[in-house]
Amino acid sequence: MGTYTPKAKEIQRDWHLVDADGMVLGRLATEVARLLRGKHKPTFTPHLDTGDHVVIVNADKVVLTADKAVSKQVYRHSGYPGGIKSQSYGDKLAAQPEQAVRDTVRGMLPKTSLGSQQIRKLKVYAGPSHPHAAQAPMPYAVDHATARPAKR
C-alpha cells in the first residue's frame, strides 16, 4: 500500500481570525505557524503547502515576557561592510507591530520556497479591523496560558 499524498485540488484552505490582544508573541507565532503549515490537518504533508490562511488583528497589543522588550535585539544588515544595525524588540513592536509579528512567524516556517509560499497566506493588522470579511474567517480561539486551541 502506498503513502497517501493530497493532490492540489483536494487541499481545502480555511480562513482563521486570531486576536492577538494580550497574547505572548512567541506563543502566538508558534500557533499561527502551525496553522500556516497545515500541521493541524490529518492530510499534513511536510513537502506540500496544505495550510490555511490566517488573519491576525490587534498586533499592536501583543506582549513580550520578562525584559525581552529591552534586552532582545533585532538585527538587519545592508550587505555592505559595517552595515549591521540593531534595534530593541520593544522599539520594533512600537514602530512596526505588523512587521514584528510577521518576522517572528516567518522565523518558525521552513527556510525554503515552501516557507515563502506559506507566509503569503498570513495577513497581519495593527488594529481590530481587516478587509477580509468577505472570506468569512472563523474566529480562532487560543488559550492565552498554553497557546493551544481553546476547547470549543
N, C-alpha and C. Protein backbone atom coordinates (compact mmCIF):
# COMPACT_ATOMS: atom_id res chain seq x y z
N MET A 1 0.85 -1.18 0.00
CA MET A 1 0.00 0.00 0.00
C MET A 1 0.89 1.24 0.00
N GLY A 2 0.57 2.20 -0.85
CA GLY A 2 1.38 3.41 -0.98
C GLY A 2 1.02 4.47 0.04
N THR A 3 1.88 5.44 0.14
CA THR A 3 1.65 6.57 1.04
C THR A 3 0.70 7.56 0.39
N TYR A 4 -0.26 8.04 1.15
CA TYR A 4 -1.23 9.00 0.61
C TYR A 4 -0.60 10.38 0.52
N THR A 5 -0.74 11.02 -0.62
CA THR A 5 -0.31 12.40 -0.82
C THR A 5 -1.48 13.17 -1.40
N PRO A 6 -1.89 14.26 -0.74
CA PRO A 6 -3.03 15.01 -1.26
C PRO A 6 -2.69 15.74 -2.56
N LYS A 7 -3.65 15.75 -3.46
CA LYS A 7 -3.49 16.50 -4.72
C LYS A 7 -3.85 17.96 -4.46
N ALA A 8 -3.45 18.84 -5.36
CA ALA A 8 -3.69 20.27 -5.19
C ALA A 8 -5.17 20.59 -5.10
N LYS A 9 -6.00 19.88 -5.89
CA LYS A 9 -7.43 20.17 -5.87
C LYS A 9 -8.12 19.62 -4.62
N GLU A 10 -7.48 18.70 -3.91
CA GLU A 10 -8.06 18.11 -2.70
C GLU A 10 -7.79 18.94 -1.44
N ILE A 11 -6.87 19.90 -1.53
CA ILE A 11 -6.50 20.69 -0.35
C ILE A 11 -7.56 21.75 -0.09
N GLN A 12 -8.15 21.70 1.07
CA GLN A 12 -9.19 22.66 1.48
C GLN A 12 -8.53 23.72 2.37
N ARG A 13 -8.61 24.97 1.96
CA ARG A 13 -7.99 26.06 2.73
C ARG A 13 -9.08 26.87 3.43
N ASP A 14 -8.98 26.94 4.75
CA ASP A 14 -9.91 27.74 5.55
C ASP A 14 -9.25 29.06 5.90
N TRP A 15 -10.05 29.97 6.44
CA TRP A 15 -9.56 31.25 6.93
C TRP A 15 -9.76 31.30 8.43
N HIS A 16 -8.71 31.68 9.17
CA HIS A 16 -8.77 31.79 10.62
C HIS A 16 -8.48 33.23 11.03
N LEU A 17 -9.23 33.71 12.01
CA LEU A 17 -9.05 35.05 12.56
C LEU A 17 -8.50 34.91 13.97
N VAL A 18 -7.30 35.45 14.22
CA VAL A 18 -6.64 35.37 15.52
C VAL A 18 -6.55 36.77 16.11
N ASP A 19 -7.08 36.93 17.32
CA ASP A 19 -6.99 38.20 18.02
C ASP A 19 -5.77 38.15 18.93
N ALA A 20 -4.77 39.01 18.67
CA ALA A 20 -3.50 38.98 19.40
C ALA A 20 -3.51 39.85 20.65
N ASP A 21 -4.66 40.35 21.05
CA ASP A 21 -4.74 41.24 22.20
C ASP A 21 -4.31 40.52 23.48
N GLY A 22 -3.19 40.95 24.07
CA GLY A 22 -2.69 40.40 25.32
C GLY A 22 -1.97 39.08 25.20
N MET A 23 -1.75 38.58 23.99
CA MET A 23 -1.07 37.30 23.81
C MET A 23 0.45 37.49 23.81
N VAL A 24 1.16 36.47 24.27
CA VAL A 24 2.61 36.47 24.24
C VAL A 24 3.05 36.21 22.80
N LEU A 25 4.01 36.99 22.33
CA LEU A 25 4.40 36.96 20.92
C LEU A 25 4.86 35.58 20.45
N GLY A 26 5.72 34.92 21.19
CA GLY A 26 6.24 33.62 20.77
C GLY A 26 5.17 32.55 20.75
N ARG A 27 4.28 32.55 21.73
CA ARG A 27 3.21 31.55 21.77
C ARG A 27 2.21 31.77 20.64
N LEU A 28 1.94 33.03 20.34
CA LEU A 28 1.08 33.35 19.20
C LEU A 28 1.71 32.88 17.90
N ALA A 29 3.00 33.15 17.73
CA ALA A 29 3.69 32.82 16.49
C ALA A 29 3.75 31.31 16.25
N THR A 30 3.95 30.52 17.30
CA THR A 30 4.01 29.07 17.10
C THR A 30 2.66 28.51 16.65
N GLU A 31 1.59 29.03 17.23
CA GLU A 31 0.26 28.55 16.86
C GLU A 31 -0.10 28.97 15.43
N VAL A 32 0.26 30.20 15.05
CA VAL A 32 -0.03 30.68 13.70
C VAL A 32 0.82 29.92 12.68
N ALA A 33 2.08 29.64 13.00
CA ALA A 33 2.93 28.87 12.09
C ALA A 33 2.37 27.46 11.89
N ARG A 34 1.80 26.89 12.93
CA ARG A 34 1.18 25.56 12.83
C ARG A 34 0.00 25.60 11.87
N LEU A 35 -0.81 26.66 11.93
CA LEU A 35 -1.95 26.80 11.02
C LEU A 35 -1.49 27.02 9.58
N LEU A 36 -0.46 27.86 9.40
CA LEU A 36 0.04 28.15 8.06
C LEU A 36 0.64 26.91 7.39
N ARG A 37 1.31 26.07 8.17
CA ARG A 37 1.91 24.84 7.63
C ARG A 37 0.89 23.75 7.38
N GLY A 38 -0.23 23.77 8.13
CA GLY A 38 -1.25 22.76 7.96
C GLY A 38 -1.05 21.56 8.87
N LYS A 39 -0.28 21.71 9.94
CA LYS A 39 0.01 20.59 10.83
C LYS A 39 -1.21 20.18 11.65
N HIS A 40 -2.25 20.99 11.66
CA HIS A 40 -3.46 20.65 12.40
C HIS A 40 -4.41 19.77 11.58
N LYS A 41 -4.05 19.49 10.35
CA LYS A 41 -4.91 18.70 9.47
C LYS A 41 -4.40 17.26 9.37
N PRO A 42 -5.31 16.32 9.17
CA PRO A 42 -4.86 14.93 9.01
C PRO A 42 -4.15 14.70 7.68
N THR A 43 -4.29 15.61 6.73
CA THR A 43 -3.64 15.45 5.42
C THR A 43 -2.31 16.19 5.35
N PHE A 44 -1.70 16.54 6.50
CA PHE A 44 -0.44 17.27 6.50
C PHE A 44 0.64 16.48 5.79
N THR A 45 1.33 17.17 4.91
CA THR A 45 2.47 16.60 4.20
C THR A 45 3.61 17.61 4.29
N PRO A 46 4.79 17.21 4.77
CA PRO A 46 5.86 18.18 5.01
C PRO A 46 6.34 18.93 3.76
N HIS A 47 6.25 18.32 2.58
CA HIS A 47 6.78 18.96 1.38
C HIS A 47 5.72 19.68 0.57
N LEU A 48 4.48 19.74 1.04
CA LEU A 48 3.41 20.45 0.34
C LEU A 48 2.82 21.53 1.23
N ASP A 49 2.26 22.54 0.60
CA ASP A 49 1.59 23.61 1.33
C ASP A 49 0.13 23.22 1.52
N THR A 50 -0.19 22.65 2.68
CA THR A 50 -1.55 22.23 2.97
C THR A 50 -2.22 23.13 4.00
N GLY A 51 -1.58 24.25 4.33
CA GLY A 51 -2.05 25.10 5.40
C GLY A 51 -3.19 26.02 5.02
N ASP A 52 -3.67 26.76 6.03
CA ASP A 52 -4.80 27.67 5.88
C ASP A 52 -4.32 29.12 5.87
N HIS A 53 -5.26 30.01 5.54
CA HIS A 53 -5.00 31.44 5.61
C HIS A 53 -5.24 31.91 7.05
N VAL A 54 -4.42 32.86 7.52
CA VAL A 54 -4.55 33.36 8.87
C VAL A 54 -4.56 34.88 8.84
N VAL A 55 -5.52 35.49 9.53
CA VAL A 55 -5.61 36.94 9.69
C VAL A 55 -5.38 37.24 11.16
N ILE A 56 -4.37 38.05 11.46
CA ILE A 56 -4.07 38.45 12.83
C ILE A 56 -4.47 39.91 13.00
N VAL A 57 -5.30 40.18 14.00
CA VAL A 57 -5.70 41.56 14.30
C VAL A 57 -5.16 41.93 15.69
N ASN A 58 -5.10 43.22 15.97
CA ASN A 58 -4.58 43.77 17.22
C ASN A 58 -3.13 43.38 17.45
N ALA A 59 -2.31 43.43 16.41
CA ALA A 59 -0.90 43.08 16.53
C ALA A 59 -0.15 44.08 17.41
N ASP A 60 -0.68 45.29 17.55
CA ASP A 60 -0.01 46.28 18.38
C ASP A 60 -0.21 46.02 19.87
N LYS A 61 -1.07 45.06 20.24
CA LYS A 61 -1.33 44.76 21.64
C LYS A 61 -0.68 43.46 22.09
N VAL A 62 0.24 42.93 21.29
CA VAL A 62 0.96 41.71 21.67
C VAL A 62 1.99 42.07 22.74
N VAL A 63 2.29 41.11 23.62
CA VAL A 63 3.22 41.40 24.73
C VAL A 63 4.43 40.46 24.66
N LEU A 64 5.50 40.90 25.30
CA LEU A 64 6.71 40.11 25.46
C LEU A 64 6.90 39.81 26.93
N THR A 65 7.38 38.61 27.25
CA THR A 65 7.58 38.24 28.65
C THR A 65 8.94 38.74 29.14
N ALA A 66 9.08 38.76 30.45
CA ALA A 66 10.30 39.17 31.14
C ALA A 66 10.75 40.54 30.64
N ASP A 67 12.02 40.72 30.38
CA ASP A 67 12.52 42.03 29.92
C ASP A 67 12.95 41.96 28.46
N LYS A 68 12.31 41.09 27.67
CA LYS A 68 12.69 40.92 26.28
C LYS A 68 12.47 42.19 25.45
N ALA A 69 11.55 43.04 25.87
CA ALA A 69 11.31 44.28 25.12
C ALA A 69 12.55 45.17 25.13
N VAL A 70 13.37 45.04 26.16
CA VAL A 70 14.57 45.86 26.26
C VAL A 70 15.82 45.08 25.87
N SER A 71 15.94 43.83 26.32
CA SER A 71 17.18 43.09 26.14
C SER A 71 17.28 42.38 24.79
N LYS A 72 16.17 41.96 24.20
CA LYS A 72 16.22 41.24 22.92
C LYS A 72 16.43 42.23 21.79
N GLN A 73 17.35 41.91 20.91
CA GLN A 73 17.70 42.80 19.80
C GLN A 73 17.27 42.20 18.47
N VAL A 74 16.92 43.07 17.54
CA VAL A 74 16.59 42.69 16.17
C VAL A 74 17.70 43.26 15.30
N TYR A 75 18.30 42.41 14.45
CA TYR A 75 19.41 42.84 13.61
C TYR A 75 19.00 42.84 12.15
N ARG A 76 19.58 43.77 11.41
CA ARG A 76 19.43 43.75 9.95
C ARG A 76 20.75 44.24 9.36
N HIS A 77 21.05 43.79 8.17
CA HIS A 77 22.33 44.11 7.54
C HIS A 77 22.09 44.59 6.13
N SER A 78 22.79 45.65 5.75
CA SER A 78 22.62 46.24 4.43
C SER A 78 23.34 45.45 3.34
N GLY A 79 24.29 44.60 3.74
CA GLY A 79 25.08 43.87 2.76
C GLY A 79 26.44 44.48 2.55
N TYR A 80 26.66 45.68 3.06
CA TYR A 80 27.94 46.34 2.96
C TYR A 80 28.74 46.13 4.25
N PRO A 81 30.06 46.21 4.17
CA PRO A 81 30.87 46.07 5.39
C PRO A 81 30.49 47.13 6.42
N GLY A 82 30.28 46.70 7.64
CA GLY A 82 29.89 47.62 8.71
C GLY A 82 28.44 48.05 8.63
N GLY A 83 27.64 47.37 7.83
CA GLY A 83 26.25 47.78 7.60
C GLY A 83 25.24 47.12 8.51
N ILE A 84 25.67 46.61 9.68
CA ILE A 84 24.72 45.96 10.59
C ILE A 84 24.09 47.01 11.48
N LYS A 85 22.79 46.87 11.68
CA LYS A 85 22.05 47.79 12.55
C LYS A 85 21.24 46.95 13.53
N SER A 86 21.10 47.44 14.74
CA SER A 86 20.33 46.72 15.74
C SER A 86 19.27 47.64 16.34
N GLN A 87 18.24 47.02 16.86
CA GLN A 87 17.12 47.75 17.43
C GLN A 87 16.51 46.84 18.49
N SER A 88 16.05 47.41 19.60
CA SER A 88 15.42 46.57 20.61
C SER A 88 14.06 46.11 20.11
N TYR A 89 13.63 44.95 20.60
CA TYR A 89 12.37 44.38 20.12
C TYR A 89 11.18 45.25 20.54
N GLY A 90 11.30 45.90 21.69
CA GLY A 90 10.22 46.79 22.13
C GLY A 90 10.05 47.97 21.18
N ASP A 91 11.18 48.53 20.70
CA ASP A 91 11.10 49.63 19.74
C ASP A 91 10.51 49.18 18.42
N LYS A 92 10.88 47.98 17.98
CA LYS A 92 10.33 47.45 16.72
C LYS A 92 8.82 47.22 16.85
N LEU A 93 8.38 46.68 18.00
CA LEU A 93 6.95 46.47 18.21
C LEU A 93 6.18 47.78 18.25
N ALA A 94 6.79 48.81 18.83
CA ALA A 94 6.12 50.11 18.91
C ALA A 94 6.03 50.78 17.54
N ALA A 95 7.10 50.66 16.74
CA ALA A 95 7.14 51.35 15.45
C ALA A 95 6.41 50.56 14.36
N GLN A 96 6.64 49.25 14.28
CA GLN A 96 6.07 48.42 13.21
C GLN A 96 5.54 47.11 13.80
N PRO A 97 4.39 47.13 14.45
CA PRO A 97 3.90 45.89 15.07
C PRO A 97 3.58 44.79 14.06
N GLU A 98 3.06 45.16 12.89
CA GLU A 98 2.73 44.15 11.89
C GLU A 98 3.99 43.42 11.41
N GLN A 99 5.05 44.20 11.16
CA GLN A 99 6.29 43.60 10.66
C GLN A 99 6.96 42.75 11.73
N ALA A 100 6.89 43.16 12.98
CA ALA A 100 7.50 42.39 14.07
C ALA A 100 6.81 41.04 14.22
N VAL A 101 5.49 41.02 14.15
CA VAL A 101 4.75 39.75 14.26
C VAL A 101 5.02 38.88 13.03
N ARG A 102 5.02 39.48 11.85
CA ARG A 102 5.28 38.73 10.61
C ARG A 102 6.67 38.10 10.63
N ASP A 103 7.69 38.86 11.07
CA ASP A 103 9.05 38.33 11.12
C ASP A 103 9.18 37.20 12.12
N THR A 104 8.46 37.29 13.24
CA THR A 104 8.51 36.22 14.24
C THR A 104 7.89 34.94 13.70
N VAL A 105 6.77 35.05 13.01
CA VAL A 105 6.13 33.87 12.42
C VAL A 105 6.99 33.31 11.30
N ARG A 106 7.59 34.18 10.51
CA ARG A 106 8.42 33.74 9.39
C ARG A 106 9.61 32.91 9.87
N GLY A 107 10.15 33.25 11.04
CA GLY A 107 11.27 32.50 11.59
C GLY A 107 10.90 31.09 11.99
N MET A 108 9.62 30.79 12.11
CA MET A 108 9.16 29.46 12.51
C MET A 108 8.68 28.62 11.33
N LEU A 109 8.83 29.14 10.12
CA LEU A 109 8.44 28.42 8.91
C LEU A 109 9.69 27.90 8.21
N PRO A 110 9.56 26.97 7.27
CA PRO A 110 10.73 26.47 6.55
C PRO A 110 11.46 27.59 5.81
N LYS A 111 12.77 27.48 5.71
CA LYS A 111 13.59 28.50 5.06
C LYS A 111 13.77 28.18 3.57
N THR A 112 12.72 27.71 2.94
CA THR A 112 12.76 27.34 1.53
C THR A 112 11.66 28.08 0.78
N SER A 113 11.49 27.74 -0.49
CA SER A 113 10.41 28.35 -1.26
C SER A 113 9.05 27.95 -0.70
N LEU A 114 8.99 26.81 -0.01
CA LEU A 114 7.74 26.39 0.65
C LEU A 114 7.37 27.38 1.76
N GLY A 115 8.35 27.82 2.52
CA GLY A 115 8.11 28.81 3.57
C GLY A 115 7.65 30.14 2.99
N SER A 116 8.20 30.54 1.86
CA SER A 116 7.77 31.78 1.19
C SER A 116 6.33 31.67 0.73
N GLN A 117 5.95 30.51 0.25
CA GLN A 117 4.57 30.28 -0.19
C GLN A 117 3.62 30.31 1.01
N GLN A 118 4.04 29.79 2.14
CA GLN A 118 3.19 29.74 3.32
C GLN A 118 3.03 31.11 3.97
N ILE A 119 4.08 31.94 3.99
CA ILE A 119 4.00 33.24 4.65
C ILE A 119 3.09 34.19 3.87
N ARG A 120 2.88 33.92 2.59
CA ARG A 120 1.98 34.76 1.80
C ARG A 120 0.52 34.63 2.23
N LYS A 121 0.20 33.56 2.97
CA LYS A 121 -1.17 33.37 3.44
C LYS A 121 -1.41 34.03 4.79
N LEU A 122 -0.43 34.77 5.30
CA LEU A 122 -0.55 35.45 6.59
C LEU A 122 -0.85 36.92 6.35
N LYS A 123 -1.91 37.43 6.99
CA LYS A 123 -2.29 38.84 6.92
C LYS A 123 -2.26 39.38 8.35
N VAL A 124 -1.50 40.45 8.59
CA VAL A 124 -1.34 41.00 9.93
C VAL A 124 -1.79 42.46 9.92
N TYR A 125 -2.61 42.84 10.93
CA TYR A 125 -3.11 44.20 11.05
C TYR A 125 -2.94 44.68 12.48
N ALA A 126 -2.52 45.94 12.62
CA ALA A 126 -2.26 46.50 13.96
C ALA A 126 -3.55 46.73 14.72
N GLY A 127 -4.60 47.12 14.06
CA GLY A 127 -5.86 47.43 14.73
C GLY A 127 -6.84 46.28 14.67
N PRO A 128 -8.07 46.52 15.14
CA PRO A 128 -9.07 45.45 15.19
C PRO A 128 -9.80 45.21 13.86
N SER A 129 -9.63 46.06 12.87
CA SER A 129 -10.36 45.89 11.61
C SER A 129 -9.44 45.28 10.54
N HIS A 130 -10.07 44.58 9.59
CA HIS A 130 -9.34 43.97 8.49
C HIS A 130 -10.26 43.92 7.27
N PRO A 131 -9.69 43.90 6.05
CA PRO A 131 -10.50 43.91 4.83
C PRO A 131 -10.87 42.51 4.31
N HIS A 132 -10.80 41.48 5.14
CA HIS A 132 -11.05 40.12 4.67
C HIS A 132 -12.38 39.56 5.17
N ALA A 133 -13.35 40.41 5.37
CA ALA A 133 -14.65 39.96 5.87
C ALA A 133 -15.37 39.09 4.85
N ALA A 134 -15.11 39.30 3.55
CA ALA A 134 -15.78 38.52 2.51
C ALA A 134 -15.37 37.05 2.56
N GLN A 135 -14.17 36.75 3.08
CA GLN A 135 -13.73 35.37 3.18
C GLN A 135 -14.31 34.66 4.40
N ALA A 136 -15.01 35.40 5.26
CA ALA A 136 -15.64 34.87 6.47
C ALA A 136 -14.67 34.05 7.31
N PRO A 137 -13.59 34.70 7.83
CA PRO A 137 -12.65 33.94 8.65
C PRO A 137 -13.30 33.51 9.96
N MET A 138 -13.02 32.26 10.35
CA MET A 138 -13.55 31.72 11.59
C MET A 138 -12.70 32.25 12.74
N PRO A 139 -13.30 32.76 13.81
CA PRO A 139 -12.50 33.18 14.96
C PRO A 139 -11.76 31.98 15.54
N TYR A 140 -10.48 32.13 15.70
CA TYR A 140 -9.65 31.05 16.21
C TYR A 140 -9.29 31.38 17.64
N ALA A 141 -9.91 30.69 18.58
CA ALA A 141 -9.69 30.97 20.00
C ALA A 141 -8.45 30.21 20.47
N VAL A 142 -7.52 30.96 21.05
CA VAL A 142 -6.30 30.36 21.57
C VAL A 142 -6.26 30.63 23.07
N ASP A 143 -5.98 29.58 23.84
CA ASP A 143 -5.84 29.73 25.29
C ASP A 143 -4.55 30.50 25.55
N HIS A 144 -4.65 31.64 26.25
CA HIS A 144 -3.50 32.51 26.46
C HIS A 144 -2.42 31.85 27.31
N ALA A 145 -2.76 30.97 28.19
CA ALA A 145 -1.78 30.37 29.09
C ALA A 145 -0.93 29.31 28.38
N THR A 146 -1.56 28.50 27.55
CA THR A 146 -0.82 27.40 26.94
C THR A 146 -0.60 27.58 25.45
N ALA A 147 -1.23 28.58 24.82
CA ALA A 147 -1.15 28.83 23.38
C ALA A 147 -1.66 27.64 22.58
N ARG A 148 -2.57 26.90 23.13
CA ARG A 148 -3.20 25.80 22.42
C ARG A 148 -4.61 26.23 22.04
N PRO A 149 -5.19 25.63 21.02
CA PRO A 149 -6.57 25.99 20.68
C PRO A 149 -7.50 25.77 21.88
N ALA A 150 -8.34 26.72 22.12
CA ALA A 150 -9.28 26.62 23.25
C ALA A 150 -10.33 25.55 22.96
N LYS A 151 -10.81 24.92 23.99
CA LYS A 151 -11.85 23.90 23.84
C LYS A 151 -13.14 24.57 23.36
N ARG A 152 -13.73 24.02 22.31
CA ARG A 152 -14.96 24.61 21.78
C ARG A 152 -16.16 23.86 22.23
